[in-house]
PDB file of N, CA and C in Angstrom:
ATOM      1  N   UNK A   1    -103.456 -25.341  31.206  1.00  0.00           N
ATOM      2  CA  UNK A   1    -104.717 -24.751  30.856  1.00  0.00           C
ATOM      3  C   UNK A   1    -104.500 -23.472  30.046  1.00  0.00           C
ATOM      4  N   UNK A   2    -103.571 -22.638  30.483  1.00  0.00           N
ATOM      5  CA  UNK A   2    -103.277 -21.396  29.758  1.00  0.00           C
ATOM      6  C   UNK A   2    -102.726 -21.687  28.361  1.00  0.00           C
ATOM      7  N   UNK A   3    -101.986 -22.766  28.243  1.00  0.00           N
ATOM      8  CA  UNK A   3    -101.465 -23.145  26.927  1.00  0.00           C
ATOM      9  C   UNK A   3    -102.611 -23.450  25.968  1.00  0.00           C
ATOM     10  N   UNK A   4    -103.613 -24.202  26.419  1.00  0.00           N
ATOM     11  CA  UNK A   4    -104.764 -24.527  25.571  1.00  0.00           C
ATOM     12  C   UNK A   4    -105.557 -23.271  25.197  1.00  0.00           C
ATOM     13  N   UNK A   5    -105.679 -22.359  26.158  1.00  0.00           N
ATOM     14  CA  UNK A   5    -106.367 -21.097  25.862  1.00  0.00           C
ATOM     15  C   UNK A   5    -105.628 -20.361  24.759  1.00  0.00           C
ATOM     16  N   UNK A   6    -104.302 -20.295  24.873  1.00  0.00           N
ATOM     17  CA  UNK A   6    -103.490 -19.600  23.869  1.00  0.00           C
ATOM     18  C   UNK A   6    -103.618 -20.267  22.509  1.00  0.00           C
ATOM     19  N   UNK A   7    -103.516 -21.576  22.456  1.00  0.00           N
ATOM     20  CA  UNK A   7    -103.586 -22.316  21.183  1.00  0.00           C
ATOM     21  C   UNK A   7    -104.951 -22.130  20.524  1.00  0.00           C
ATOM     22  N   UNK A   8    -106.008 -22.298  21.288  1.00  0.00           N
ATOM     23  CA  UNK A   8    -107.339 -22.182  20.701  1.00  0.00           C
ATOM     24  C   UNK A   8    -107.701 -20.740  20.361  1.00  0.00           C
ATOM     25  N   UNK A   9    -107.154 -19.786  21.099  1.00  0.00           N
ATOM     26  CA  UNK A   9    -107.366 -18.384  20.732  1.00  0.00           C
ATOM     27  C   UNK A   9    -106.703 -18.091  19.394  1.00  0.00           C
ATOM     28  N   UNK A  10    -105.494 -18.586  19.199  1.00  0.00           N
ATOM     29  CA  UNK A  10    -104.804 -18.376  17.915  1.00  0.00           C
ATOM     30  C   UNK A  10    -105.565 -19.044  16.772  1.00  0.00           C
ATOM     31  N   UNK A  11    -106.117 -20.231  17.011  1.00  0.00           N
ATOM     32  CA  UNK A  11    -106.927 -20.895  15.984  1.00  0.00           C
ATOM     33  C   UNK A  11    -108.196 -20.094  15.695  1.00  0.00           C
ATOM     34  N   UNK A  12    -108.795 -19.527  16.739  1.00  0.00           N
ATOM     35  CA  UNK A  12    -109.985 -18.701  16.573  1.00  0.00           C
ATOM     36  C   UNK A  12    -109.675 -17.468  15.723  1.00  0.00           C
ATOM     37  N   UNK A  13    -108.574 -16.798  16.016  1.00  0.00           N
ATOM     38  CA  UNK A  13    -108.182 -15.611  15.246  1.00  0.00           C
ATOM     39  C   UNK A  13    -107.920 -15.989  13.799  1.00  0.00           C
ATOM     40  N   UNK A  14    -107.208 -17.089  13.570  1.00  0.00           N
ATOM     41  CA  UNK A  14    -106.929 -17.532  12.204  1.00  0.00           C
ATOM     42  C   UNK A  14    -108.227 -17.854  11.456  1.00  0.00           C
ATOM     43  N   UNK A  15    -109.133 -18.561  12.107  1.00  0.00           N
ATOM     44  CA  UNK A  15    -110.409 -18.914  11.484  1.00  0.00           C
ATOM     45  C   UNK A  15    -111.233 -17.664  11.173  1.00  0.00           C
ATOM     46  N   UNK A  16    -111.230 -16.711  12.115  1.00  0.00           N
ATOM     47  CA  UNK A  16    -111.972 -15.466  11.923  1.00  0.00           C
ATOM     48  C   UNK A  16    -111.430 -14.695  10.729  1.00  0.00           C
ATOM     49  N   UNK A  17    -110.115 -14.607  10.622  1.00  0.00           N
ATOM     50  CA  UNK A  17    -109.510 -13.868   9.512  1.00  0.00           C
ATOM     51  C   UNK A  17    -109.714 -14.586   8.186  1.00  0.00           C
ATOM     52  N   UNK A  18    -109.628 -15.905   8.183  1.00  0.00           N
ATOM     53  CA  UNK A  18    -109.784 -16.672   6.939  1.00  0.00           C
ATOM     54  C   UNK A  18    -111.198 -16.597   6.404  1.00  0.00           C
ATOM     55  N   UNK A  19    -112.192 -16.560   7.283  1.00  0.00           N
ATOM     56  CA  UNK A  19    -113.586 -16.568   6.846  1.00  0.00           C
ATOM     57  C   UNK A  19    -114.261 -15.199   6.937  1.00  0.00           C
ATOM     58  N   UNK A  20    -113.477 -14.139   7.103  1.00  0.00           N
ATOM     59  CA  UNK A  20    -113.984 -12.759   7.143  1.00  0.00           C
ATOM     60  C   UNK A  20    -115.097 -12.564   8.170  1.00  0.00           C
ATOM     61  N   UNK A  21    -114.890 -13.052   9.364  1.00  0.00           N
ATOM     62  CA  UNK A  21    -115.892 -12.915  10.426  1.00  0.00           C
ATOM     63  C   UNK A  21    -115.581 -11.767  11.381  1.00  0.00           C
ATOM     64  N   UNK A  22    -114.521 -11.020  11.130  1.00  0.00           N
ATOM     65  CA  UNK A  22    -114.095  -9.963  12.040  1.00  0.00           C
ATOM     66  C   UNK A  22    -115.149  -8.902  12.272  1.00  0.00           C
ATOM     67  N   UNK A  23    -115.785  -8.423  11.204  1.00  0.00           N
ATOM     68  CA  UNK A  23    -116.793  -7.378  11.337  1.00  0.00           C
ATOM     69  C   UNK A  23    -117.988  -7.898  12.129  1.00  0.00           C
ATOM     70  N   UNK A  24    -118.391  -9.128  11.862  1.00  0.00           N
ATOM     71  CA  UNK A  24    -119.528  -9.709  12.575  1.00  0.00           C
ATOM     72  C   UNK A  24    -119.236  -9.810  14.069  1.00  0.00           C
ATOM     73  N   UNK A  25    -118.054 -10.237  14.418  1.00  0.00           N
ATOM     74  CA  UNK A  25    -117.697 -10.390  15.828  1.00  0.00           C
ATOM     75  C   UNK A  25    -117.586  -9.034  16.516  1.00  0.00           C
ATOM     76  N   UNK A  26    -117.016  -8.046  15.833  1.00  0.00           N
ATOM     77  CA  UNK A  26    -116.930  -6.707  16.415  1.00  0.00           C
ATOM     78  C   UNK A  26    -118.325  -6.108  16.617  1.00  0.00           C
ATOM     79  N   UNK A  27    -119.221  -6.324  15.660  1.00  0.00           N
ATOM     80  CA  UNK A  27    -120.598  -5.841  15.791  1.00  0.00           C
ATOM     81  C   UNK A  27    -121.291  -6.522  16.972  1.00  0.00           C
ATOM     82  N   UNK A  28    -121.060  -7.796  17.125  1.00  0.00           N
ATOM     83  CA  UNK A  28    -121.620  -8.548  18.247  1.00  0.00           C
ATOM     84  C   UNK A  28    -121.198  -7.937  19.583  1.00  0.00           C
ATOM     85  N   UNK A  29    -119.904  -7.720  19.762  1.00  0.00           N
ATOM     86  CA  UNK A  29    -119.419  -7.160  21.017  1.00  0.00           C
ATOM     87  C   UNK A  29    -119.895  -5.728  21.223  1.00  0.00           C
ATOM     88  N   UNK A  30    -119.996  -4.954  20.155  1.00  0.00           N
ATOM     89  CA  UNK A  30    -120.477  -3.585  20.270  1.00  0.00           C
ATOM     90  C   UNK A  30    -121.932  -3.546  20.744  1.00  0.00           C
ATOM     91  N   UNK A  31    -122.780  -4.377  20.153  1.00  0.00           N
ATOM     92  CA  UNK A  31    -124.186  -4.437  20.569  1.00  0.00           C
ATOM     93  C   UNK A  31    -124.302  -4.859  22.028  1.00  0.00           C
ATOM     94  N   UNK A  32    -123.571  -5.876  22.410  1.00  0.00           N
ATOM     95  CA  UNK A  32    -123.645  -6.368  23.790  1.00  0.00           C
ATOM     96  C   UNK A  32    -123.122  -5.333  24.782  1.00  0.00           C
ATOM     97  N   UNK A  33    -122.016  -4.686  24.458  1.00  0.00           N
ATOM     98  CA  UNK A  33    -121.429  -3.711  25.380  1.00  0.00           C
ATOM     99  C   UNK A  33    -122.330  -2.488  25.553  1.00  0.00           C
ATOM    100  N   UNK A  34    -122.852  -1.963  24.454  1.00  0.00           N
ATOM    101  CA  UNK A  34    -123.742  -0.804  24.545  1.00  0.00           C
ATOM    102  C   UNK A  34    -125.007  -1.167  25.327  1.00  0.00           C
ATOM    103  N   UNK A  35    -125.559  -2.337  25.052  1.00  0.00           N
ATOM    104  CA  UNK A  35    -126.762  -2.760  25.768  1.00  0.00           C
ATOM    105  C   UNK A  35    -126.473  -2.999  27.246  1.00  0.00           C
ATOM    106  N   UNK A  36    -125.304  -3.500  27.554  1.00  0.00           N
ATOM    107  CA  UNK A  36    -124.894  -3.699  28.943  1.00  0.00           C
ATOM    108  C   UNK A  36    -124.900  -2.360  29.689  1.00  0.00           C
ATOM    109  N   UNK A  37    -124.274  -1.359  29.101  1.00  0.00           N
ATOM    110  CA  UNK A  37    -124.234  -0.034  29.726  1.00  0.00           C
ATOM    111  C   UNK A  37    -125.622   0.588  29.801  1.00  0.00           C
ATOM    112  N   UNK A  38    -126.384   0.472  28.726  1.00  0.00           N
ATOM    113  CA  UNK A  38    -127.728   1.036  28.684  1.00  0.00           C
ATOM    114  C   UNK A  38    -128.628   0.398  29.736  1.00  0.00           C
ATOM    115  N   UNK A  39    -128.534  -0.903  29.898  1.00  0.00           N
ATOM    116  CA  UNK A  39    -129.343  -1.600  30.900  1.00  0.00           C
ATOM    117  C   UNK A  39    -128.975  -1.140  32.308  1.00  0.00           C
ATOM    118  N   UNK A  40    -127.691  -0.957  32.559  1.00  0.00           N
ATOM    119  CA  UNK A  40    -127.277  -0.473  33.881  1.00  0.00           C
ATOM    120  C   UNK A  40    -127.835   0.921  34.149  1.00  0.00           C
ATOM    121  N   UNK A  41    -127.730   1.811  33.175  1.00  0.00           N
ATOM    122  CA  UNK A  41    -128.146   3.196  33.380  1.00  0.00           C
ATOM    123  C   UNK A  41    -129.669   3.357  33.412  1.00  0.00           C
ATOM    124  N   UNK A  42    -130.356   2.772  32.435  1.00  0.00           N
ATOM    125  CA  UNK A  42    -131.801   2.985  32.297  1.00  0.00           C
ATOM    126  C   UNK A  42    -132.587   2.189  33.323  1.00  0.00           C
ATOM    127  N   UNK A  43    -132.194   0.953  33.551  1.00  0.00           N
ATOM    128  CA  UNK A  43    -132.938   0.081  34.465  1.00  0.00           C
ATOM    129  C   UNK A  43    -132.439   0.177  35.907  1.00  0.00           C
ATOM    130  N   UNK A  44    -131.305   0.835  36.110  1.00  0.00           N
ATOM    131  CA  UNK A  44    -130.775   0.967  37.463  1.00  0.00           C
ATOM    132  C   UNK A  44    -130.295  -0.360  38.029  1.00  0.00           C
ATOM    133  N   UNK A  45    -129.725  -1.212  37.202  1.00  0.00           N
ATOM    134  CA  UNK A  45    -129.261  -2.538  37.636  1.00  0.00           C
ATOM    135  C   UNK A  45    -127.778  -2.502  37.966  1.00  0.00           C
ATOM    136  N   UNK A  46    -127.359  -3.458  38.782  1.00  0.00           N
ATOM    137  CA  UNK A  46    -125.934  -3.627  39.058  1.00  0.00           C
ATOM    138  C   UNK A  46    -125.266  -4.212  37.819  1.00  0.00           C
ATOM    139  N   UNK A  47    -123.949  -4.124  37.711  1.00  0.00           N
ATOM    140  CA  UNK A  47    -123.277  -4.680  36.529  1.00  0.00           C
ATOM    141  C   UNK A  47    -123.582  -6.166  36.304  1.00  0.00           C
ATOM    142  N   UNK A  48    -123.619  -6.953  37.383  1.00  0.00           N
ATOM    143  CA  UNK A  48    -123.875  -8.388  37.202  1.00  0.00           C
ATOM    144  C   UNK A  48    -125.313  -8.636  36.747  1.00  0.00           C
ATOM    145  N   UNK A  49    -126.271  -7.894  37.305  1.00  0.00           N
ATOM    146  CA  UNK A  49    -127.663  -8.045  36.872  1.00  0.00           C
ATOM    147  C   UNK A  49    -127.836  -7.593  35.424  1.00  0.00           C
ATOM    148  N   UNK A  50    -127.155  -6.529  35.072  1.00  0.00           N
ATOM    149  CA  UNK A  50    -127.211  -6.043  33.695  1.00  0.00           C
ATOM    150  C   UNK A  50    -126.629  -7.074  32.738  1.00  0.00           C
ATOM    151  N   UNK A  51    -125.519  -7.676  33.114  1.00  0.00           N
ATOM    152  CA  UNK A  51    -124.900  -8.699  32.266  1.00  0.00           C
ATOM    153  C   UNK A  51    -125.810  -9.906  32.097  1.00  0.00           C
ATOM    154  N   UNK A  52    -126.479 -10.302  33.171  1.00  0.00           N
ATOM    155  CA  UNK A  52    -127.413 -11.427  33.099  1.00  0.00           C
ATOM    156  C   UNK A  52    -128.583 -11.093  32.180  1.00  0.00           C
ATOM    157  N   UNK A  53    -129.145  -9.894  32.327  1.00  0.00           N
ATOM    158  CA  UNK A  53    -130.270  -9.504  31.474  1.00  0.00           C
ATOM    159  C   UNK A  53    -129.865  -9.452  30.000  1.00  0.00           C
ATOM    160  N   UNK A  54    -128.702  -8.874  29.728  1.00  0.00           N
ATOM    161  CA  UNK A  54    -128.225  -8.768  28.340  1.00  0.00           C
ATOM    162  C   UNK A  54    -127.952 -10.152  27.774  1.00  0.00           C
ATOM    163  N   UNK A  55    -127.332 -11.011  28.548  1.00  0.00           N
ATOM    164  CA  UNK A  55    -127.040 -12.375  28.081  1.00  0.00           C
ATOM    165  C   UNK A  55    -128.318 -13.141  27.782  1.00  0.00           C
ATOM    166  N   UNK A  56    -129.293 -13.037  28.669  1.00  0.00           N
ATOM    167  CA  UNK A  56    -130.563 -13.731  28.451  1.00  0.00           C
ATOM    168  C   UNK A  56    -131.281 -13.209  27.220  1.00  0.00           C
ATOM    169  N   UNK A  57    -131.300 -11.904  27.049  1.00  0.00           N
ATOM    170  CA  UNK A  57    -132.007 -11.325  25.905  1.00  0.00           C
ATOM    171  C   UNK A  57    -131.305 -11.677  24.599  1.00  0.00           C
ATOM    172  N   UNK A  58    -129.981 -11.647  24.590  1.00  0.00           N
ATOM    173  CA  UNK A  58    -129.235 -11.865  23.347  1.00  0.00           C
ATOM    174  C   UNK A  58    -129.260 -13.323  22.897  1.00  0.00           C
ATOM    175  N   UNK A  59    -129.266 -14.232  23.850  1.00  0.00           N
ATOM    176  CA  UNK A  59    -129.159 -15.650  23.480  1.00  0.00           C
ATOM    177  C   UNK A  59    -130.483 -16.390  23.477  1.00  0.00           C
ATOM    178  N   UNK A  60    -131.553 -15.737  23.880  1.00  0.00           N
ATOM    179  CA  UNK A  60    -132.839 -16.437  23.917  1.00  0.00           C
ATOM    180  C   UNK A  60    -133.669 -16.080  22.697  1.00  0.00           C
ATOM    181  N   UNK A  61    -134.891 -16.564  22.684  1.00  0.00           N
ATOM    182  CA  UNK A  61    -135.777 -16.263  21.559  1.00  0.00           C
ATOM    183  C   UNK A  61    -136.588 -15.000  21.787  1.00  0.00           C
ATOM    184  N   UNK A  62    -136.342 -14.296  22.858  1.00  0.00           N
ATOM    185  CA  UNK A  62    -137.028 -13.042  23.112  1.00  0.00           C
ATOM    186  C   UNK A  62    -138.427 -13.216  23.672  1.00  0.00           C
ATOM    187  N   UNK A  63    -138.728 -14.385  24.200  1.00  0.00           N
ATOM    188  CA  UNK A  63    -140.067 -14.637  24.732  1.00  0.00           C
ATOM    189  C   UNK A  63    -140.384 -13.714  25.900  1.00  0.00           C
ATOM    190  N   UNK A  64    -139.426 -13.568  26.811  1.00  0.00           N
ATOM    191  CA  UNK A  64    -139.637 -12.712  27.980  1.00  0.00           C
ATOM    192  C   UNK A  64    -139.115 -11.318  27.669  1.00  0.00           C
ATOM    193  N   UNK A  65    -139.939 -10.320  27.931  1.00  0.00           N
ATOM    194  CA  UNK A  65    -139.504  -8.939  27.736  1.00  0.00           C
ATOM    195  C   UNK A  65    -138.746  -8.518  28.978  1.00  0.00           C
ATOM    196  N   UNK A  66    -137.483  -8.181  28.789  1.00  0.00           N
ATOM    197  CA  UNK A  66    -136.659  -7.759  29.911  1.00  0.00           C
ATOM    198  C   UNK A  66    -136.634  -6.246  29.957  1.00  0.00           C
ATOM    199  N   UNK A  67    -136.784  -5.693  31.107  1.00  0.00           N
ATOM    200  CA  UNK A  67    -136.759  -4.252  31.275  1.00  0.00           C
ATOM    201  C   UNK A  67    -138.121  -3.736  31.702  1.00  0.00           C
ATOM    202  N   UNK A  68    -138.081  -2.740  32.551  1.00  0.00           N
ATOM    203  CA  UNK A  68    -139.328  -2.165  33.053  1.00  0.00           C
ATOM    204  C   UNK A  68    -139.655  -0.840  32.381  1.00  0.00           C
ATOM    205  N   UNK A  69    -138.633  -0.159  31.898  1.00  0.00           N
ATOM    206  CA  UNK A  69    -138.848   1.125  31.236  1.00  0.00           C
ATOM    207  C   UNK A  69    -138.996   0.918  29.738  1.00  0.00           C
ATOM    208  N   UNK A  70    -139.514   1.929  29.058  1.00  0.00           N
ATOM    209  CA  UNK A  70    -139.658   1.845  27.598  1.00  0.00           C
ATOM    210  C   UNK A  70    -138.335   1.667  26.907  1.00  0.00           C
ATOM    211  N   UNK A  71    -137.324   2.428  27.327  1.00  0.00           N
ATOM    212  CA  UNK A  71    -135.999   2.318  26.720  1.00  0.00           C
ATOM    213  C   UNK A  71    -135.373   0.955  27.011  1.00  0.00           C
ATOM    214  N   UNK A  72    -135.636   0.427  28.207  1.00  0.00           N
ATOM    215  CA  UNK A  72    -135.127  -0.907  28.553  1.00  0.00           C
ATOM    216  C   UNK A  72    -135.749  -1.981  27.682  1.00  0.00           C
ATOM    217  N   UNK A  73    -137.035  -1.840  27.369  1.00  0.00           N
ATOM    218  CA  UNK A  73    -137.712  -2.810  26.495  1.00  0.00           C
ATOM    219  C   UNK A  73    -137.199  -2.711  25.057  1.00  0.00           C
ATOM    220  N   UNK A  74    -136.957  -1.489  24.599  1.00  0.00           N
ATOM    221  CA  UNK A  74    -136.388  -1.314  23.252  1.00  0.00           C
ATOM    222  C   UNK A  74    -135.001  -1.927  23.193  1.00  0.00           C
ATOM    223  N   UNK A  75    -134.224  -1.721  24.252  1.00  0.00           N
ATOM    224  CA  UNK A  75    -132.895  -2.330  24.330  1.00  0.00           C
ATOM    225  C   UNK A  75    -133.000  -3.847  24.251  1.00  0.00           C
ATOM    226  N   UNK A  76    -133.972  -4.416  24.947  1.00  0.00           N
ATOM    227  CA  UNK A  76    -134.192  -5.861  24.913  1.00  0.00           C
ATOM    228  C   UNK A  76    -134.516  -6.332  23.495  1.00  0.00           C
ATOM    229  N   UNK A  77    -135.361  -5.583  22.805  1.00  0.00           N
ATOM    230  CA  UNK A  77    -135.702  -5.945  21.421  1.00  0.00           C
ATOM    231  C   UNK A  77    -134.493  -5.868  20.501  1.00  0.00           C
ATOM    232  N   UNK A  78    -133.682  -4.834  20.664  1.00  0.00           N
ATOM    233  CA  UNK A  78    -132.475  -4.704  19.838  1.00  0.00           C
ATOM    234  C   UNK A  78    -131.538  -5.882  20.082  1.00  0.00           C
ATOM    235  N   UNK A  79    -131.419  -6.287  21.336  1.00  0.00           N
ATOM    236  CA  UNK A  79    -130.556  -7.426  21.649  1.00  0.00           C
ATOM    237  C   UNK A  79    -131.066  -8.713  21.001  1.00  0.00           C
ATOM    238  N   UNK A  80    -132.360  -8.959  21.114  1.00  0.00           N
ATOM    239  CA  UNK A  80    -132.923 -10.190  20.549  1.00  0.00           C
ATOM    240  C   UNK A  80    -132.750 -10.202  19.033  1.00  0.00           C
ATOM    241  N   UNK A  81    -133.115  -9.115  18.372  1.00  0.00           N
ATOM    242  CA  UNK A  81    -132.989  -9.080  16.914  1.00  0.00           C
ATOM    243  C   UNK A  81    -131.527  -9.040  16.480  1.00  0.00           C
ATOM    244  N   UNK A  82    -130.687  -8.408  17.284  1.00  0.00           N
ATOM    245  CA  UNK A  82    -129.254  -8.439  16.996  1.00  0.00           C
ATOM    246  C   UNK A  82    -128.712  -9.858  17.070  1.00  0.00           C
ATOM    247  N   UNK A  83    -129.176 -10.617  18.058  1.00  0.00           N
ATOM    248  CA  UNK A  83    -128.765 -12.022  18.174  1.00  0.00           C
ATOM    249  C   UNK A  83    -129.230 -12.839  16.991  1.00  0.00           C
ATOM    250  N   UNK A  84    -130.480 -12.625  16.574  1.00  0.00           N
ATOM    251  CA  UNK A  84    -130.993 -13.332  15.392  1.00  0.00           C
ATOM    252  C   UNK A  84    -130.153 -12.992  14.170  1.00  0.00           C
ATOM    253  N   UNK A  85    -129.922 -11.709  13.961  1.00  0.00           N
ATOM    254  CA  UNK A  85    -129.194 -11.242  12.780  1.00  0.00           C
ATOM    255  C   UNK A  85    -127.765 -11.769  12.756  1.00  0.00           C
ATOM    256  N   UNK A  86    -127.053 -11.593  13.869  1.00  0.00           N
ATOM    257  CA  UNK A  86    -125.647 -11.991  13.892  1.00  0.00           C
ATOM    258  C   UNK A  86    -125.461 -13.502  13.821  1.00  0.00           C
ATOM    259  N   UNK A  87    -126.361 -14.253  14.430  1.00  0.00           N
ATOM    260  CA  UNK A  87    -126.223 -15.703  14.323  1.00  0.00           C
ATOM    261  C   UNK A  87    -126.468 -16.137  12.881  1.00  0.00           C
ATOM    262  N   UNK A  88    -127.406 -15.486  12.205  1.00  0.00           N
ATOM    263  CA  UNK A  88    -127.653 -15.801  10.792  1.00  0.00           C
ATOM    264  C   UNK A  88    -126.480 -15.428   9.913  1.00  0.00           C
ATOM    265  N   UNK A  89    -125.909 -14.248  10.133  1.00  0.00           N
ATOM    266  CA  UNK A  89    -124.763 -13.797   9.342  1.00  0.00           C
ATOM    267  C   UNK A  89    -123.563 -14.700   9.591  1.00  0.00           C
ATOM    268  N   UNK A  90    -123.327 -15.014  10.852  1.00  0.00           N
ATOM    269  CA  UNK A  90    -122.194 -15.893  11.174  1.00  0.00           C
ATOM    270  C   UNK A  90    -122.346 -17.272  10.558  1.00  0.00           C
ATOM    271  N   UNK A  91    -123.548 -17.832  10.648  1.00  0.00           N
ATOM    272  CA  UNK A  91    -123.803 -19.150  10.072  1.00  0.00           C
ATOM    273  C   UNK A  91    -123.664 -19.123   8.554  1.00  0.00           C
ATOM    274  N   UNK A  92    -124.212 -18.092   7.931  1.00  0.00           N
ATOM    275  CA  UNK A  92    -124.123 -17.988   6.468  1.00  0.00           C
ATOM    276  C   UNK A  92    -122.672 -17.815   6.020  1.00  0.00           C
ATOM    277  N   UNK A  93    -121.915 -16.989   6.722  1.00  0.00           N
ATOM    278  CA  UNK A  93    -120.515 -16.773   6.361  1.00  0.00           C
ATOM    279  C   UNK A  93    -119.712 -18.052   6.503  1.00  0.00           C
ATOM    280  N   UNK A  94    -119.954 -18.772   7.567  1.00  0.00           N
ATOM    281  CA  UNK A  94    -119.264 -20.040   7.778  1.00  0.00           C
ATOM    282  C   UNK A  94    -119.626 -21.041   6.692  1.00  0.00           C
ATOM    283  N   UNK A  95    -120.915 -21.145   6.374  1.00  0.00           N
ATOM    284  CA  UNK A  95    -121.359 -22.089   5.336  1.00  0.00           C
ATOM    285  C   UNK A  95    -120.747 -21.742   3.989  1.00  0.00           C
ATOM    286  N   UNK A  96    -120.738 -20.464   3.635  1.00  0.00           N
ATOM    287  CA  UNK A  96    -120.152 -20.046   2.355  1.00  0.00           C
ATOM    288  C   UNK A  96    -118.660 -20.359   2.323  1.00  0.00           C
ATOM    289  N   UNK A  97    -117.986 -20.121   3.446  1.00  0.00           N
ATOM    290  CA  UNK A  97    -116.552 -20.423   3.512  1.00  0.00           C
ATOM    291  C   UNK A  97    -116.265 -21.903   3.283  1.00  0.00           C
ATOM    292  N   UNK A  98    -117.063 -22.763   3.896  1.00  0.00           N
ATOM    293  CA  UNK A  98    -116.873 -24.208   3.739  1.00  0.00           C
ATOM    294  C   UNK A  98    -117.175 -24.634   2.305  1.00  0.00           C
ATOM    295  N   UNK A  99    -118.286 -24.144   1.755  1.00  0.00           N
ATOM    296  CA  UNK A  99    -118.664 -24.513   0.384  1.00  0.00           C
ATOM    297  C   UNK A  99    -117.618 -24.019  -0.608  1.00  0.00           C
ATOM    298  N   UNK A 100    -117.144 -22.788  -0.431  1.00  0.00           N
ATOM    299  CA  UNK A 100    -116.135 -22.245  -1.352  1.00  0.00           C
ATOM    300  C   UNK A 100    -114.842 -23.051  -1.289  1.00  0.00           C
ATOM    301  N   UNK A 101    -114.434 -23.436  -0.098  1.00  0.00           N
ATOM    302  CA  UNK A 101    -113.211 -24.221   0.037  1.00  0.00           C
ATOM    303  C   UNK A 101    -113.351 -25.550  -0.697  1.00  0.00           C
ATOM    304  N   UNK A 102    -114.481 -26.226  -0.499  1.00  0.00           N
ATOM    305  CA  UNK A 102    -114.709 -27.514  -1.169  1.00  0.00           C
ATOM    306  C   UNK A 102    -114.815 -27.328  -2.684  1.00  0.00           C
ATOM    307  N   UNK A 103    -115.490 -26.264  -3.114  1.00  0.00           N
ATOM    308  CA  UNK A 103    -115.641 -25.995  -4.543  1.00  0.00           C
ATOM    309  C   UNK A 103    -114.284 -25.715  -5.175  1.00  0.00           C
ATOM    310  N   UNK A 104    -113.458 -24.905  -4.500  1.00  0.00           N
ATOM    311  CA  UNK A 104    -112.124 -24.605  -5.023  1.00  0.00           C
ATOM    312  C   UNK A 104    -111.292 -25.872  -5.157  1.00  0.00           C
ATOM    313  N   UNK A 105    -111.384 -26.765  -4.177  1.00  0.00           N
ATOM    314  CA  UNK A 105    -110.641 -28.025  -4.241  1.00  0.00           C
ATOM    315  C   UNK A 105    -111.084 -28.851  -5.455  1.00  0.00           C
ATOM    316  N   UNK A 106    -112.386 -28.908  -5.693  1.00  0.00           N
ATOM    317  CA  UNK A 106    -112.907 -29.684  -6.820  1.00  0.00           C
ATOM    318  C   UNK A 106    -112.466 -29.070  -8.150  1.00  0.00           C
ATOM    319  N   UNK A 107    -112.511 -27.743  -8.263  1.00  0.00           N
ATOM    320  CA  UNK A 107    -112.078 -27.090  -9.498  1.00  0.00           C
ATOM    321  C   UNK A 107    -110.580 -27.296  -9.730  1.00  0.00           C
ATOM    322  N   UNK A 108    -109.794 -27.249  -8.671  1.00  0.00           N
ATOM    323  CA  UNK A 108    -108.358 -27.503  -8.809  1.00  0.00           C
ATOM    324  C   UNK A 108    -108.115 -28.920  -9.307  1.00  0.00           C
ATOM    325  N   UNK A 109    -108.855 -29.853  -8.771  1.00  0.00           N
ATOM    326  CA  UNK A 109    -108.712 -31.252  -9.217  1.00  0.00           C
ATOM    327  C   UNK A 109    -109.135 -31.400 -10.675  1.00  0.00           C
ATOM    328  N   UNK A 110    -110.227 -30.742 -11.063  1.00  0.00           N
ATOM    329  CA  UNK A 110    -110.660 -30.807 -12.458  1.00  0.00           C
ATOM    330  C   UNK A 110    -109.619 -30.198 -13.391  1.00  0.00           C
ATOM    331  N   UNK A 111    -109.010 -29.085 -12.992  1.00  0.00           N
ATOM    332  CA  UNK A 111    -107.962 -28.473 -13.809  1.00  0.00           C
ATOM    333  C   UNK A 111    -106.783 -29.426 -13.998  1.00  0.00           C
ATOM    334  N   UNK A 112    -106.410 -30.120 -12.930  1.00  0.00           N
ATOM    335  CA  UNK A 112    -105.318 -31.093 -13.029  1.00  0.00           C
ATOM    336  C   UNK A 112    -105.673 -32.214 -14.005  1.00  0.00           C
ATOM    337  N   UNK A 113    -106.895 -32.713 -13.919  1.00  0.00           N
ATOM    338  CA  UNK A 113    -107.325 -33.783 -14.819  1.00  0.00           C
ATOM    339  C   UNK A 113    -107.337 -33.305 -16.280  1.00  0.00           C
ATOM    340  N   UNK A 114    -107.782 -32.073 -16.500  1.00  0.00           N
ATOM    341  CA  UNK A 114    -107.802 -31.527 -17.863  1.00  0.00           C
ATOM    342  C   UNK A 114    -106.385 -31.394 -18.391  1.00  0.00           C
ATOM    343  N   UNK A 115    -105.471 -30.907 -17.599  1.00  0.00           N
ATOM    344  CA  UNK A 115    -104.068 -30.769 -18.025  1.00  0.00           C
ATOM    345  C   UNK A 115    -103.453 -32.136 -18.336  1.00  0.00           C
ATOM    346  N   UNK A 116    -103.745 -33.125 -17.500  1.00  0.00           N
ATOM    347  CA  UNK A 116    -103.217 -34.470 -17.754  1.00  0.00           C
ATOM    348  C   UNK A 116    -103.816 -35.048 -19.035  1.00  0.00           C
ATOM    349  N   UNK A 117    -105.076 -34.767 -19.276  1.00  0.00           N
ATOM    350  CA  UNK A 117    -105.752 -35.281 -20.460  1.00  0.00           C
ATOM    351  C   UNK A 117    -105.193 -34.640 -21.729  1.00  0.00           C
ATOM    352  N   UNK A 118    -104.860 -33.359 -21.702  1.00  0.00           N
ATOM    353  CA  UNK A 118    -104.293 -32.662 -22.850  1.00  0.00           C
ATOM    354  C   UNK A 118    -102.905 -33.189 -23.187  1.00  0.00           C
ATOM    355  N   UNK A 119    -102.154 -33.602 -22.181  1.00  0.00           N
ATOM    356  CA  UNK A 119    -100.813 -34.124 -22.408  1.00  0.00           C
ATOM    357  C   UNK A 119    -100.880 -35.477 -23.112  1.00  0.00           C
ATOM    358  N   UNK A 120    -101.938 -36.232 -22.872  1.00  0.00           N
ATOM    359  CA  UNK A 120    -102.068 -37.553 -23.481  1.00  0.00           C
ATOM    360  C   UNK A 120    -102.600 -37.409 -24.848  1.00  0.00           C
TER     361      UNK A 120
END
């Protein structure tokens, strides 16, 4: 099991570096960590309750307002919009990476065909 974790972690790091997703992932963890601490302090929740609230707010559509205080509600909004933003950025970056790779392959093939045609 640990071997698979190691292998897939290395693939994740390679994929992240190849598609320039490092900043997006760091921003994701920063938003979640700050909101986790803020929820614990402002709402007076235990670490596990804070983690549950942050996870629900970040991964849901924001239908339920989490938090009883004004600052807790603002934190909930930041998490929801942060989730929307980061999922969009991550998806767009991934899509651009895939399209660019395919486009580069096609251009390389066209260059080869042009070179072969010039030789004939």
